[in-house]
Amino acid sequence: MGRPRQALLSRDRIIGTALALVDAEGLGALSTRRLAAELGVSGPALYNHFATKDAIVDAVVDAVLGDVDLTAFDVDFATESGRDTWPDAVRAWARSYRAALAAHPNLVPALAVGPGRRANALRMADAVFGALVDAGWPRAQATRVGALMRYFVTGSALGSFAGGFPDDAAVYAGAYPHLDQAHLLADMQREIDESAFEAGLDALLDGLRARYARIADG
């Protein structure tokens, strides 16, 4: 038989299959043996593209982070007009960041660590930090702001607050008098989770604006 016209494996195919597996069954289901079976190849074939399972997870994480829109940071924040726009840029980025993570909630625990050597993660960190520093935030403060926003976004995407309440009214009857409507939360899961994220984002940015003003006045 002649050689196949297309290679059986590619980095993109491995990453896509691994992501689909994590989405469907969680990080715990991802192993090189299981992934090889999903791809219809032998386990050692994966090592031609990735040295370890951790390297595969890193690549999957970075592929998801590549979906985060960073174009809001395409502004010269060092100019007088640009300095006032950093909250809008942070808001747009945070929304896109959360959307990317919320689309793959099973992957969020792996996303919650630092960027390591992940190219898209480093690109994102560079864009956020650079924008804040150019806008006038001291470097140490800019680092804290970037970390704060990452904690907030990853936490909001980690799971559903509303979806965690059973829809059985009997669970709350008597023992939890203030939760008499909690059985209705699951039906409004998306609305509640998104509005809670927006409320938190507003509160964070309001606080950061106030801190920024104090820095500017000092």
N, C-alpha and C. Protein backbone atom coordinates (compact mmCIF):
# COMPACT_ATOMS: atom_id res chain seq x y z
N MET A 1 0.84 -1.20 0.00
CA MET A 1 0.00 0.00 0.00
C MET A 1 0.87 1.24 0.00
N GLY A 2 0.42 2.27 -0.73
CA GLY A 2 1.15 3.52 -0.74
C GLY A 2 0.97 4.27 0.56
N ARG A 3 1.78 5.31 0.76
CA ARG A 3 1.68 6.14 1.95
C ARG A 3 0.38 6.94 1.91
N PRO A 4 -0.26 7.13 3.04
CA PRO A 4 -1.51 7.92 3.04
C PRO A 4 -1.23 9.35 2.60
N ARG A 5 -2.21 9.95 1.94
CA ARG A 5 -2.03 11.32 1.45
C ARG A 5 -1.90 12.31 2.61
N GLN A 6 -2.54 12.03 3.73
CA GLN A 6 -2.45 12.88 4.90
C GLN A 6 -1.96 12.07 6.09
N ALA A 7 -1.12 12.67 6.89
CA ALA A 7 -0.64 11.98 8.08
C ALA A 7 -1.82 11.66 9.00
N LEU A 8 -1.73 10.51 9.67
CA LEU A 8 -2.80 10.12 10.57
C LEU A 8 -2.92 11.08 11.73
N LEU A 9 -1.80 11.64 12.14
CA LEU A 9 -1.79 12.53 13.28
C LEU A 9 -1.20 13.88 12.94
N SER A 10 -1.68 14.87 13.62
CA SER A 10 -1.10 16.22 13.58
C SER A 10 -1.31 16.82 14.95
N ARG A 11 -0.57 17.83 15.27
CA ARG A 11 -0.75 18.48 16.57
C ARG A 11 -2.18 18.99 16.73
N ASP A 12 -2.69 19.60 15.66
CA ASP A 12 -4.04 20.16 15.74
C ASP A 12 -5.09 19.08 15.98
N ARG A 13 -4.92 17.94 15.34
CA ARG A 13 -5.90 16.86 15.51
C ARG A 13 -5.84 16.30 16.93
N ILE A 14 -4.63 16.16 17.45
CA ILE A 14 -4.48 15.67 18.82
C ILE A 14 -5.11 16.65 19.80
N ILE A 15 -4.83 17.94 19.62
CA ILE A 15 -5.37 18.96 20.51
C ILE A 15 -6.89 18.98 20.45
N GLY A 16 -7.44 18.94 19.25
CA GLY A 16 -8.89 18.98 19.09
C GLY A 16 -9.57 17.78 19.71
N THR A 17 -8.99 16.60 19.54
CA THR A 17 -9.58 15.39 20.11
C THR A 17 -9.46 15.40 21.62
N ALA A 18 -8.33 15.86 22.13
CA ALA A 18 -8.14 15.94 23.58
C ALA A 18 -9.14 16.91 24.20
N LEU A 19 -9.35 18.04 23.55
CA LEU A 19 -10.29 19.03 24.07
C LEU A 19 -11.71 18.46 24.06
N ALA A 20 -12.09 17.77 23.01
CA ALA A 20 -13.43 17.17 22.95
C ALA A 20 -13.61 16.14 24.06
N LEU A 21 -12.57 15.39 24.34
CA LEU A 21 -12.64 14.38 25.40
C LEU A 21 -12.80 15.04 26.77
N VAL A 22 -12.02 16.10 27.02
CA VAL A 22 -12.13 16.82 28.30
C VAL A 22 -13.51 17.47 28.42
N ASP A 23 -13.99 18.06 27.35
CA ASP A 23 -15.32 18.68 27.38
C ASP A 23 -16.39 17.66 27.73
N ALA A 24 -16.27 16.47 27.18
CA ALA A 24 -17.31 15.46 27.37
C ALA A 24 -17.22 14.75 28.72
N GLU A 25 -15.98 14.50 29.18
CA GLU A 25 -15.83 13.62 30.35
C GLU A 25 -14.96 14.18 31.47
N GLY A 26 -14.33 15.33 31.26
CA GLY A 26 -13.51 15.93 32.30
C GLY A 26 -12.04 15.62 32.13
N LEU A 27 -11.22 16.38 32.86
CA LEU A 27 -9.77 16.20 32.77
C LEU A 27 -9.33 14.81 33.19
N GLY A 28 -10.03 14.22 34.15
CA GLY A 28 -9.65 12.90 34.63
C GLY A 28 -9.73 11.82 33.57
N ALA A 29 -10.51 12.05 32.53
CA ALA A 29 -10.66 11.05 31.46
C ALA A 29 -9.51 11.10 30.46
N LEU A 30 -8.72 12.17 30.51
CA LEU A 30 -7.66 12.34 29.52
C LEU A 30 -6.41 11.59 29.95
N SER A 31 -6.06 10.61 29.17
CA SER A 31 -4.80 9.88 29.32
C SER A 31 -4.26 9.62 27.94
N THR A 32 -2.98 9.34 27.83
CA THR A 32 -2.41 9.08 26.50
C THR A 32 -3.02 7.82 25.89
N ARG A 33 -3.32 6.84 26.74
CA ARG A 33 -3.93 5.60 26.22
C ARG A 33 -5.32 5.88 25.67
N ARG A 34 -6.14 6.62 26.45
CA ARG A 34 -7.49 6.92 26.00
C ARG A 34 -7.47 7.81 24.76
N LEU A 35 -6.58 8.79 24.76
CA LEU A 35 -6.49 9.70 23.62
C LEU A 35 -6.07 8.96 22.36
N ALA A 36 -5.11 8.06 22.50
CA ALA A 36 -4.66 7.27 21.35
C ALA A 36 -5.82 6.43 20.80
N ALA A 37 -6.61 5.87 21.70
CA ALA A 37 -7.75 5.06 21.26
C ALA A 37 -8.76 5.92 20.51
N GLU A 38 -9.01 7.13 21.01
CA GLU A 38 -9.94 8.03 20.34
C GLU A 38 -9.44 8.40 18.95
N LEU A 39 -8.13 8.49 18.81
CA LEU A 39 -7.53 8.88 17.53
C LEU A 39 -7.30 7.69 16.61
N GLY A 40 -7.45 6.48 17.15
CA GLY A 40 -7.25 5.28 16.35
C GLY A 40 -5.80 4.99 16.04
N VAL A 41 -4.91 5.33 16.97
CA VAL A 41 -3.48 5.08 16.78
C VAL A 41 -2.94 4.39 18.03
N SER A 42 -1.69 3.99 17.97
CA SER A 42 -1.04 3.43 19.14
C SER A 42 -0.53 4.56 20.03
N GLY A 43 -0.43 4.28 21.32
CA GLY A 43 0.01 5.28 22.28
C GLY A 43 1.33 5.95 21.92
N PRO A 44 2.35 5.19 21.56
CA PRO A 44 3.64 5.80 21.25
C PRO A 44 3.59 6.81 20.09
N ALA A 45 2.59 6.69 19.23
CA ALA A 45 2.50 7.63 18.10
C ALA A 45 2.31 9.06 18.59
N LEU A 46 1.68 9.22 19.75
CA LEU A 46 1.47 10.57 20.28
C LEU A 46 2.79 11.26 20.62
N TYR A 47 3.78 10.45 21.00
CA TYR A 47 5.03 11.04 21.47
C TYR A 47 5.87 11.62 20.34
N ASN A 48 5.45 11.39 19.11
CA ASN A 48 6.11 12.07 17.99
C ASN A 48 5.73 13.55 17.97
N HIS A 49 4.66 13.90 18.66
CA HIS A 49 4.17 15.27 18.68
C HIS A 49 4.25 15.91 20.06
N PHE A 50 4.05 15.11 21.11
CA PHE A 50 4.07 15.63 22.48
C PHE A 50 4.85 14.66 23.36
N ALA A 51 5.75 15.19 24.17
CA ALA A 51 6.61 14.34 24.99
C ALA A 51 5.86 13.72 26.15
N THR A 52 4.86 14.42 26.67
CA THR A 52 4.15 13.94 27.85
C THR A 52 2.67 14.31 27.76
N LYS A 53 1.89 13.71 28.64
CA LYS A 53 0.48 14.08 28.74
C LYS A 53 0.35 15.54 29.17
N ASP A 54 1.21 15.98 30.09
CA ASP A 54 1.16 17.37 30.54
C ASP A 54 1.37 18.34 29.38
N ALA A 55 2.22 17.96 28.45
CA ALA A 55 2.46 18.81 27.27
C ALA A 55 1.19 18.90 26.42
N ILE A 56 0.44 17.81 26.35
CA ILE A 56 -0.83 17.83 25.61
C ILE A 56 -1.82 18.76 26.30
N VAL A 57 -1.92 18.65 27.62
CA VAL A 57 -2.84 19.52 28.37
C VAL A 57 -2.45 20.98 28.17
N ASP A 58 -1.15 21.27 28.23
CA ASP A 58 -0.70 22.64 28.01
C ASP A 58 -1.12 23.15 26.63
N ALA A 59 -0.99 22.30 25.64
CA ALA A 59 -1.34 22.70 24.27
C ALA A 59 -2.84 22.93 24.14
N VAL A 60 -3.63 22.10 24.80
CA VAL A 60 -5.08 22.26 24.77
C VAL A 60 -5.48 23.57 25.44
N VAL A 61 -4.90 23.83 26.61
CA VAL A 61 -5.17 25.07 27.33
C VAL A 61 -4.81 26.27 26.46
N ASP A 62 -3.65 26.22 25.84
CA ASP A 62 -3.20 27.37 25.05
C ASP A 62 -4.08 27.57 23.82
N ALA A 63 -4.60 26.48 23.27
CA ALA A 63 -5.51 26.61 22.13
C ALA A 63 -6.78 27.35 22.54
N VAL A 64 -7.30 27.04 23.72
CA VAL A 64 -8.49 27.73 24.21
C VAL A 64 -8.19 29.20 24.47
N LEU A 65 -7.04 29.50 25.06
CA LEU A 65 -6.67 30.89 25.31
C LEU A 65 -6.46 31.67 24.01
N GLY A 66 -6.17 30.96 22.95
CA GLY A 66 -6.03 31.62 21.65
C GLY A 66 -7.34 32.19 21.14
N ASP A 67 -8.47 31.76 21.74
CA ASP A 67 -9.78 32.30 21.35
C ASP A 67 -10.12 33.60 22.08
N VAL A 68 -9.30 33.99 23.06
CA VAL A 68 -9.58 35.22 23.81
C VAL A 68 -9.22 36.42 22.94
N ASP A 69 -10.15 37.35 22.83
CA ASP A 69 -9.98 38.54 22.00
C ASP A 69 -9.16 39.59 22.75
N LEU A 70 -8.00 39.93 22.21
CA LEU A 70 -7.12 40.92 22.82
C LEU A 70 -7.11 42.24 22.07
N THR A 71 -7.99 42.39 21.09
CA THR A 71 -7.92 43.58 20.24
C THR A 71 -8.25 44.86 21.01
N ALA A 72 -8.93 44.74 22.16
CA ALA A 72 -9.22 45.94 22.95
C ALA A 72 -7.95 46.60 23.45
N PHE A 73 -6.85 45.85 23.46
CA PHE A 73 -5.59 46.41 23.92
C PHE A 73 -4.76 47.02 22.79
N ASP A 74 -5.34 47.07 21.59
CA ASP A 74 -4.65 47.68 20.45
C ASP A 74 -4.82 49.20 20.49
N VAL A 75 -4.46 49.78 21.60
CA VAL A 75 -4.62 51.22 21.83
C VAL A 75 -3.32 51.73 22.43
N ASP A 76 -2.95 52.95 22.12
CA ASP A 76 -1.79 53.56 22.75
C ASP A 76 -2.23 54.15 24.08
N PHE A 77 -2.14 53.36 25.13
CA PHE A 77 -2.63 53.79 26.44
C PHE A 77 -1.74 54.85 27.08
N ALA A 78 -0.58 55.09 26.51
CA ALA A 78 0.32 56.10 27.06
C ALA A 78 -0.08 57.52 26.66
N THR A 79 -0.98 57.65 25.68
CA THR A 79 -1.42 58.98 25.27
C THR A 79 -2.49 59.49 26.22
N GLU A 80 -2.74 60.78 26.17
CA GLU A 80 -3.73 61.38 27.07
C GLU A 80 -5.11 60.78 26.85
N SER A 81 -5.48 60.57 25.60
CA SER A 81 -6.80 59.99 25.32
C SER A 81 -6.85 58.50 25.64
N GLY A 82 -5.71 57.83 25.48
CA GLY A 82 -5.68 56.40 25.74
C GLY A 82 -5.73 56.03 27.20
N ARG A 83 -5.21 56.90 28.06
CA ARG A 83 -5.14 56.59 29.49
C ARG A 83 -6.52 56.33 30.10
N ASP A 84 -7.52 57.02 29.60
CA ASP A 84 -8.86 56.88 30.18
C ASP A 84 -9.60 55.64 29.69
N THR A 85 -9.04 54.91 28.74
CA THR A 85 -9.77 53.80 28.14
C THR A 85 -9.39 52.44 28.71
N TRP A 86 -8.43 52.40 29.64
CA TRP A 86 -8.01 51.09 30.15
C TRP A 86 -9.16 50.30 30.78
N PRO A 87 -10.12 50.93 31.50
CA PRO A 87 -11.20 50.11 32.06
C PRO A 87 -12.06 49.45 30.97
N ASP A 88 -12.28 50.16 29.86
CA ASP A 88 -13.07 49.58 28.77
C ASP A 88 -12.34 48.39 28.15
N ALA A 89 -11.02 48.52 28.02
CA ALA A 89 -10.23 47.43 27.45
C ALA A 89 -10.25 46.22 28.37
N VAL A 90 -10.08 46.46 29.66
CA VAL A 90 -10.10 45.37 30.63
C VAL A 90 -11.47 44.69 30.63
N ARG A 91 -12.54 45.47 30.54
CA ARG A 91 -13.89 44.90 30.51
C ARG A 91 -14.08 44.00 29.29
N ALA A 92 -13.70 44.50 28.12
CA ALA A 92 -13.87 43.71 26.89
C ALA A 92 -13.05 42.43 26.94
N TRP A 93 -11.83 42.54 27.44
CA TRP A 93 -10.98 41.35 27.56
C TRP A 93 -11.58 40.36 28.55
N ALA A 94 -12.03 40.83 29.71
CA ALA A 94 -12.58 39.94 30.73
C ALA A 94 -13.79 39.18 30.20
N ARG A 95 -14.64 39.86 29.45
CA ARG A 95 -15.81 39.19 28.88
C ARG A 95 -15.41 38.10 27.90
N SER A 96 -14.45 38.40 27.04
CA SER A 96 -14.00 37.42 26.07
C SER A 96 -13.28 36.25 26.76
N TYR A 97 -12.49 36.58 27.76
CA TYR A 97 -11.76 35.57 28.54
C TYR A 97 -12.75 34.61 29.19
N ARG A 98 -13.77 35.15 29.84
CA ARG A 98 -14.76 34.31 30.50
C ARG A 98 -15.51 33.45 29.48
N ALA A 99 -15.86 34.04 28.34
CA ALA A 99 -16.59 33.27 27.32
C ALA A 99 -15.77 32.08 26.84
N ALA A 100 -14.46 32.29 26.66
CA ALA A 100 -13.60 31.20 26.21
C ALA A 100 -13.53 30.09 27.25
N LEU A 101 -13.43 30.47 28.52
CA LEU A 101 -13.35 29.48 29.58
C LEU A 101 -14.69 28.80 29.82
N ALA A 102 -15.77 29.59 29.80
CA ALA A 102 -17.09 29.03 30.06
C ALA A 102 -17.50 28.01 29.00
N ALA A 103 -16.92 28.13 27.81
CA ALA A 103 -17.21 27.15 26.76
C ALA A 103 -16.56 25.80 27.04
N HIS A 104 -15.57 25.79 27.96
CA HIS A 104 -14.85 24.56 28.28
C HIS A 104 -14.63 24.47 29.79
N PRO A 105 -15.71 24.40 30.58
CA PRO A 105 -15.57 24.46 32.04
C PRO A 105 -14.73 23.35 32.63
N ASN A 106 -14.71 22.18 32.00
CA ASN A 106 -13.92 21.07 32.54
C ASN A 106 -12.42 21.33 32.45
N LEU A 107 -12.04 22.28 31.62
CA LEU A 107 -10.63 22.60 31.44
C LEU A 107 -10.15 23.69 32.38
N VAL A 108 -11.08 24.37 33.05
CA VAL A 108 -10.73 25.53 33.87
C VAL A 108 -9.69 25.22 34.95
N PRO A 109 -9.76 24.07 35.65
CA PRO A 109 -8.71 23.81 36.65
C PRO A 109 -7.30 23.84 36.06
N ALA A 110 -7.14 23.38 34.84
CA ALA A 110 -5.82 23.44 34.20
C ALA A 110 -5.48 24.85 33.74
N LEU A 111 -6.50 25.65 33.46
CA LEU A 111 -6.30 27.02 33.03
C LEU A 111 -5.97 27.94 34.20
N ALA A 112 -6.27 27.51 35.42
CA ALA A 112 -6.16 28.39 36.57
C ALA A 112 -4.72 28.60 37.03
N VAL A 113 -3.79 27.84 36.52
CA VAL A 113 -2.39 28.02 36.90
C VAL A 113 -1.76 29.12 36.06
N GLY A 114 -0.52 29.47 36.40
CA GLY A 114 0.18 30.53 35.66
C GLY A 114 0.42 30.16 34.22
N PRO A 115 0.90 31.11 33.42
CA PRO A 115 1.04 30.88 31.98
C PRO A 115 2.11 29.88 31.59
N GLY A 116 3.11 29.68 32.46
CA GLY A 116 4.19 28.78 32.08
C GLY A 116 4.83 29.21 30.76
N ARG A 117 4.97 28.28 29.84
CA ARG A 117 5.54 28.57 28.53
C ARG A 117 4.48 28.62 27.42
N ARG A 118 3.22 28.69 27.82
CA ARG A 118 2.13 28.71 26.84
C ARG A 118 2.14 30.04 26.10
N ALA A 119 2.28 29.98 24.79
CA ALA A 119 2.46 31.20 24.00
C ALA A 119 1.26 32.14 24.09
N ASN A 120 0.06 31.61 23.94
CA ASN A 120 -1.12 32.48 23.99
C ASN A 120 -1.34 33.04 25.39
N ALA A 121 -1.03 32.26 26.41
CA ALA A 121 -1.15 32.75 27.78
C ALA A 121 -0.17 33.88 28.04
N LEU A 122 1.05 33.74 27.56
CA LEU A 122 2.05 34.79 27.73
C LEU A 122 1.69 36.02 26.92
N ARG A 123 1.14 35.81 25.74
CA ARG A 123 0.71 36.94 24.90
C ARG A 123 -0.40 37.73 25.60
N MET A 124 -1.33 37.01 26.24
CA MET A 124 -2.40 37.66 26.95
C MET A 124 -1.87 38.43 28.16
N ALA A 125 -1.00 37.80 28.93
CA ALA A 125 -0.42 38.47 30.09
C ALA A 125 0.35 39.72 29.68
N ASP A 126 1.07 39.63 28.59
CA ASP A 126 1.85 40.76 28.09
C ASP A 126 0.93 41.91 27.68
N ALA A 127 -0.18 41.59 27.02
CA ALA A 127 -1.12 42.62 26.56
C ALA A 127 -1.77 43.33 27.74
N VAL A 128 -2.22 42.57 28.73
CA VAL A 128 -2.90 43.16 29.88
C VAL A 128 -1.93 44.00 30.70
N PHE A 129 -0.79 43.43 31.04
CA PHE A 129 0.19 44.13 31.86
C PHE A 129 0.71 45.37 31.14
N GLY A 130 1.01 45.23 29.86
CA GLY A 130 1.52 46.36 29.10
C GLY A 130 0.53 47.51 29.03
N ALA A 131 -0.75 47.19 28.84
CA ALA A 131 -1.77 48.23 28.77
C ALA A 131 -1.89 48.97 30.09
N LEU A 132 -1.88 48.23 31.20
CA LEU A 132 -2.02 48.86 32.51
C LEU A 132 -0.82 49.76 32.83
N VAL A 133 0.37 49.27 32.54
CA VAL A 133 1.57 50.07 32.81
C VAL A 133 1.59 51.31 31.92
N ASP A 134 1.27 51.15 30.65
CA ASP A 134 1.25 52.30 29.74
C ASP A 134 0.21 53.33 30.18
N ALA A 135 -0.89 52.86 30.79
CA ALA A 135 -1.94 53.76 31.23
C ALA A 135 -1.58 54.49 32.52
N GLY A 136 -0.47 54.09 33.16
CA GLY A 136 -0.02 54.79 34.35
C GLY A 136 -0.04 54.00 35.63
N TRP A 137 -0.45 52.73 35.58
CA TRP A 137 -0.38 51.90 36.77
C TRP A 137 1.08 51.56 37.07
N PRO A 138 1.53 51.67 38.32
CA PRO A 138 2.86 51.19 38.67
C PRO A 138 2.96 49.70 38.39
N ARG A 139 4.14 49.24 38.07
CA ARG A 139 4.30 47.85 37.64
C ARG A 139 3.80 46.85 38.69
N ALA A 140 4.11 47.09 39.95
CA ALA A 140 3.66 46.16 40.99
C ALA A 140 2.13 46.14 41.08
N GLN A 141 1.53 47.32 40.98
CA GLN A 141 0.07 47.40 41.01
C GLN A 141 -0.55 46.74 39.78
N ALA A 142 0.07 46.93 38.63
CA ALA A 142 -0.44 46.31 37.40
C ALA A 142 -0.41 44.79 37.50
N THR A 143 0.64 44.27 38.12
CA THR A 143 0.72 42.82 38.33
C THR A 143 -0.44 42.34 39.19
N ARG A 144 -0.73 43.07 40.26
CA ARG A 144 -1.83 42.69 41.16
C ARG A 144 -3.18 42.78 40.46
N VAL A 145 -3.36 43.81 39.65
CA VAL A 145 -4.62 43.96 38.93
C VAL A 145 -4.81 42.81 37.95
N GLY A 146 -3.75 42.46 37.22
CA GLY A 146 -3.85 41.34 36.28
C GLY A 146 -4.18 40.04 36.99
N ALA A 147 -3.53 39.81 38.15
CA ALA A 147 -3.80 38.59 38.92
C ALA A 147 -5.24 38.59 39.44
N LEU A 148 -5.68 39.74 39.96
CA LEU A 148 -7.05 39.86 40.47
C LEU A 148 -8.06 39.52 39.39
N MET A 149 -7.88 40.06 38.19
CA MET A 149 -8.82 39.81 37.12
C MET A 149 -8.82 38.34 36.70
N ARG A 150 -7.64 37.72 36.71
CA ARG A 150 -7.58 36.30 36.35
C ARG A 150 -8.30 35.46 37.39
N TYR A 151 -8.11 35.78 38.69
CA TYR A 151 -8.82 35.04 39.73
C TYR A 151 -10.33 35.17 39.54
N PHE A 152 -10.77 36.37 39.26
CA PHE A 152 -12.20 36.61 39.12
C PHE A 152 -12.78 35.87 37.91
N VAL A 153 -12.11 35.98 36.78
CA VAL A 153 -12.63 35.36 35.55
C VAL A 153 -12.61 33.85 35.66
N THR A 154 -11.51 33.27 36.09
CA THR A 154 -11.45 31.81 36.16
C THR A 154 -12.44 31.28 37.20
N GLY A 155 -12.59 31.99 38.32
CA GLY A 155 -13.56 31.57 39.32
C GLY A 155 -14.97 31.59 38.79
N SER A 156 -15.30 32.61 38.00
CA SER A 156 -16.66 32.72 37.47
C SER A 156 -16.96 31.65 36.43
N ALA A 157 -15.91 31.14 35.80
CA ALA A 157 -16.11 30.12 34.76
C ALA A 157 -15.99 28.70 35.30
N LEU A 158 -15.55 28.57 36.56
CA LEU A 158 -15.26 27.25 37.11
C LEU A 158 -16.51 26.40 37.28
N GLY A 159 -17.61 27.03 37.58
CA GLY A 159 -18.85 26.29 37.75
C GLY A 159 -20.02 27.25 37.82
N SER A 160 -21.21 26.70 37.86
CA SER A 160 -22.41 27.52 37.90
C SER A 160 -22.94 27.61 39.32
N PHE A 161 -23.03 28.83 39.84
CA PHE A 161 -23.63 29.04 41.16
C PHE A 161 -25.10 28.61 41.13
N ALA A 162 -25.83 29.13 40.17
CA ALA A 162 -27.26 28.84 40.10
C ALA A 162 -27.51 27.35 39.84
N GLY A 163 -26.71 26.76 38.98
CA GLY A 163 -26.90 25.35 38.63
C GLY A 163 -26.59 24.40 39.76
N GLY A 164 -25.99 24.91 40.84
CA GLY A 164 -25.65 24.04 41.95
C GLY A 164 -26.77 23.81 42.94
N PHE A 165 -27.90 24.49 42.75
CA PHE A 165 -29.03 24.34 43.67
C PHE A 165 -30.02 23.30 43.12
N PRO A 166 -30.37 22.28 43.90
CA PRO A 166 -31.37 21.30 43.43
C PRO A 166 -32.70 21.98 43.12
N ASP A 167 -33.42 21.44 42.14
CA ASP A 167 -34.70 22.04 41.75
C ASP A 167 -35.87 21.44 42.51
N ASP A 168 -35.58 20.77 43.61
CA ASP A 168 -36.61 20.14 44.44
C ASP A 168 -36.91 21.06 45.63
N ALA A 169 -38.10 21.66 45.66
CA ALA A 169 -38.46 22.60 46.72
C ALA A 169 -38.42 21.95 48.10
N ALA A 170 -38.61 20.63 48.16
CA ALA A 170 -38.64 19.94 49.45
C ALA A 170 -37.29 19.98 50.15
N VAL A 171 -36.22 20.16 49.39
CA VAL A 171 -34.88 20.23 49.97
C VAL A 171 -34.76 21.40 50.94
N TYR A 172 -35.45 22.48 50.64
CA TYR A 172 -35.29 23.72 51.40
C TYR A 172 -36.40 23.96 52.42
N ALA A 173 -37.49 23.26 52.30
CA ALA A 173 -38.67 23.51 53.13
C ALA A 173 -38.34 23.39 54.62
N GLY A 174 -38.69 24.40 55.37
CA GLY A 174 -38.52 24.36 56.81
C GLY A 174 -37.12 24.69 57.28
N ALA A 175 -36.13 23.92 56.85
CA ALA A 175 -34.77 24.08 57.36
C ALA A 175 -34.08 25.33 56.85
N TYR A 176 -34.43 25.79 55.63
CA TYR A 176 -33.75 26.92 55.02
C TYR A 176 -34.79 27.95 54.57
N PRO A 177 -35.36 28.71 55.52
CA PRO A 177 -36.49 29.58 55.18
C PRO A 177 -36.17 30.68 54.19
N HIS A 178 -34.92 31.09 54.13
CA HIS A 178 -34.56 32.16 53.20
C HIS A 178 -34.30 31.65 51.78
N LEU A 179 -34.32 30.33 51.61
CA LEU A 179 -34.08 29.74 50.29
C LEU A 179 -35.37 29.17 49.70
N ASP A 180 -36.49 29.80 50.01
CA ASP A 180 -37.77 29.27 49.56
C ASP A 180 -37.95 29.34 48.05
N GLN A 181 -37.10 30.14 47.36
CA GLN A 181 -37.18 30.21 45.90
C GLN A 181 -35.96 29.57 45.23
N ALA A 182 -35.09 28.94 46.02
CA ALA A 182 -33.84 28.41 45.48
C ALA A 182 -34.06 27.31 44.44
N HIS A 183 -35.19 26.60 44.55
CA HIS A 183 -35.44 25.52 43.60
C HIS A 183 -35.68 26.04 42.18
N LEU A 184 -35.88 27.36 42.05
CA LEU A 184 -36.11 27.97 40.73
C LEU A 184 -34.82 28.43 40.06
N LEU A 185 -33.72 28.44 40.81
CA LEU A 185 -32.48 29.01 40.29
C LEU A 185 -31.93 28.27 39.07
N ALA A 186 -32.03 26.94 39.09
CA ALA A 186 -31.44 26.16 38.00
C ALA A 186 -32.04 26.51 36.65
N ASP A 187 -33.33 26.87 36.64
CA ASP A 187 -33.99 27.22 35.38
C ASP A 187 -33.49 28.56 34.82
N MET A 188 -32.87 29.36 35.69
CA MET A 188 -32.36 30.66 35.27
C MET A 188 -30.84 30.70 35.33
N GLN A 189 -30.22 29.54 35.19
CA GLN A 189 -28.78 29.39 35.40
C GLN A 189 -27.96 30.37 34.58
N ARG A 190 -28.16 30.38 33.28
CA ARG A 190 -27.33 31.22 32.43
C ARG A 190 -27.52 32.70 32.75
N GLU A 191 -28.78 33.12 32.90
CA GLU A 191 -29.06 34.52 33.19
C GLU A 191 -28.42 34.96 34.50
N ILE A 192 -28.55 34.12 35.53
CA ILE A 192 -28.00 34.46 36.84
C ILE A 192 -26.48 34.50 36.80
N ASP A 193 -25.88 33.49 36.19
CA ASP A 193 -24.42 33.43 36.16
C ASP A 193 -23.82 34.61 35.38
N GLU A 194 -24.44 34.95 34.26
CA GLU A 194 -23.92 36.05 33.46
C GLU A 194 -24.14 37.40 34.14
N SER A 195 -25.31 37.57 34.76
CA SER A 195 -25.57 38.84 35.44
C SER A 195 -24.70 38.98 36.68
N ALA A 196 -24.41 37.87 37.36
CA ALA A 196 -23.51 37.92 38.51
C ALA A 196 -22.10 38.29 38.07
N PHE A 197 -21.67 37.74 36.96
CA PHE A 197 -20.35 38.11 36.42
C PHE A 197 -20.29 39.59 36.10
N GLU A 198 -21.32 40.11 35.44
CA GLU A 198 -21.34 41.52 35.08
C GLU A 198 -21.37 42.42 36.33
N ALA A 199 -22.12 42.01 37.35
CA ALA A 199 -22.17 42.79 38.58
C ALA A 199 -20.80 42.81 39.26
N GLY A 200 -20.14 41.67 39.29
CA GLY A 200 -18.81 41.60 39.87
C GLY A 200 -17.80 42.40 39.08
N LEU A 201 -17.92 42.34 37.76
CA LEU A 201 -16.99 43.09 36.90
C LEU A 201 -17.17 44.59 37.11
N ASP A 202 -18.42 45.03 37.19
CA ASP A 202 -18.68 46.45 37.47
C ASP A 202 -18.05 46.87 38.80
N ALA A 203 -18.25 46.05 39.82
CA ALA A 203 -17.73 46.38 41.14
C ALA A 203 -16.21 46.43 41.15
N LEU A 204 -15.59 45.47 40.49
CA LEU A 204 -14.13 45.45 40.43
C LEU A 204 -13.59 46.68 39.70
N LEU A 205 -14.17 47.00 38.57
CA LEU A 205 -13.67 48.13 37.78
C LEU A 205 -13.94 49.46 38.49
N ASP A 206 -15.07 49.56 39.19
CA ASP A 206 -15.32 50.78 39.98
C ASP A 206 -14.24 50.95 41.04
N GLY A 207 -13.91 49.86 41.72
CA GLY A 207 -12.87 49.92 42.74
C GLY A 207 -11.50 50.23 42.15
N LEU A 208 -11.21 49.65 41.00
CA LEU A 208 -9.92 49.89 40.37
C LEU A 208 -9.82 51.31 39.85
N ARG A 209 -10.90 51.86 39.35
CA ARG A 209 -10.89 53.27 38.93
C ARG A 209 -10.57 54.18 40.13
N ALA A 210 -11.17 53.89 41.27
CA ALA A 210 -10.93 54.70 42.46
C ALA A 210 -9.47 54.58 42.89
N ARG A 211 -8.92 53.38 42.84
CA ARG A 211 -7.51 53.20 43.21
C ARG A 211 -6.60 53.90 42.21
N TYR A 212 -6.94 53.81 40.96
CA TYR A 212 -6.15 54.47 39.91
C TYR A 212 -6.14 55.98 40.12
N ALA A 213 -7.29 56.54 40.50
CA ALA A 213 -7.38 57.97 40.75
C ALA A 213 -6.49 58.39 41.92
N ARG A 214 -6.45 57.54 42.94
CA ARG A 214 -5.60 57.86 44.09
C ARG A 214 -4.13 57.82 43.71
N ILE A 215 -3.78 56.87 42.85
CA ILE A 215 -2.39 56.79 42.38
C ILE A 215 -2.03 58.03 41.57
N ALA A 216 -2.96 58.43 40.69
CA ALA A 216 -2.71 59.60 39.84
C ALA A 216 -2.58 60.87 40.68
N ASP A 217 -3.39 60.96 41.74
CA ASP A 217 -3.35 62.16 42.60
C ASP A 217 -2.11 62.18 43.49
N GLY A 218 -1.58 60.97 43.77
CA GLY A 218 -0.43 60.89 44.64
C GLY A 218 0.85 61.26 43.96
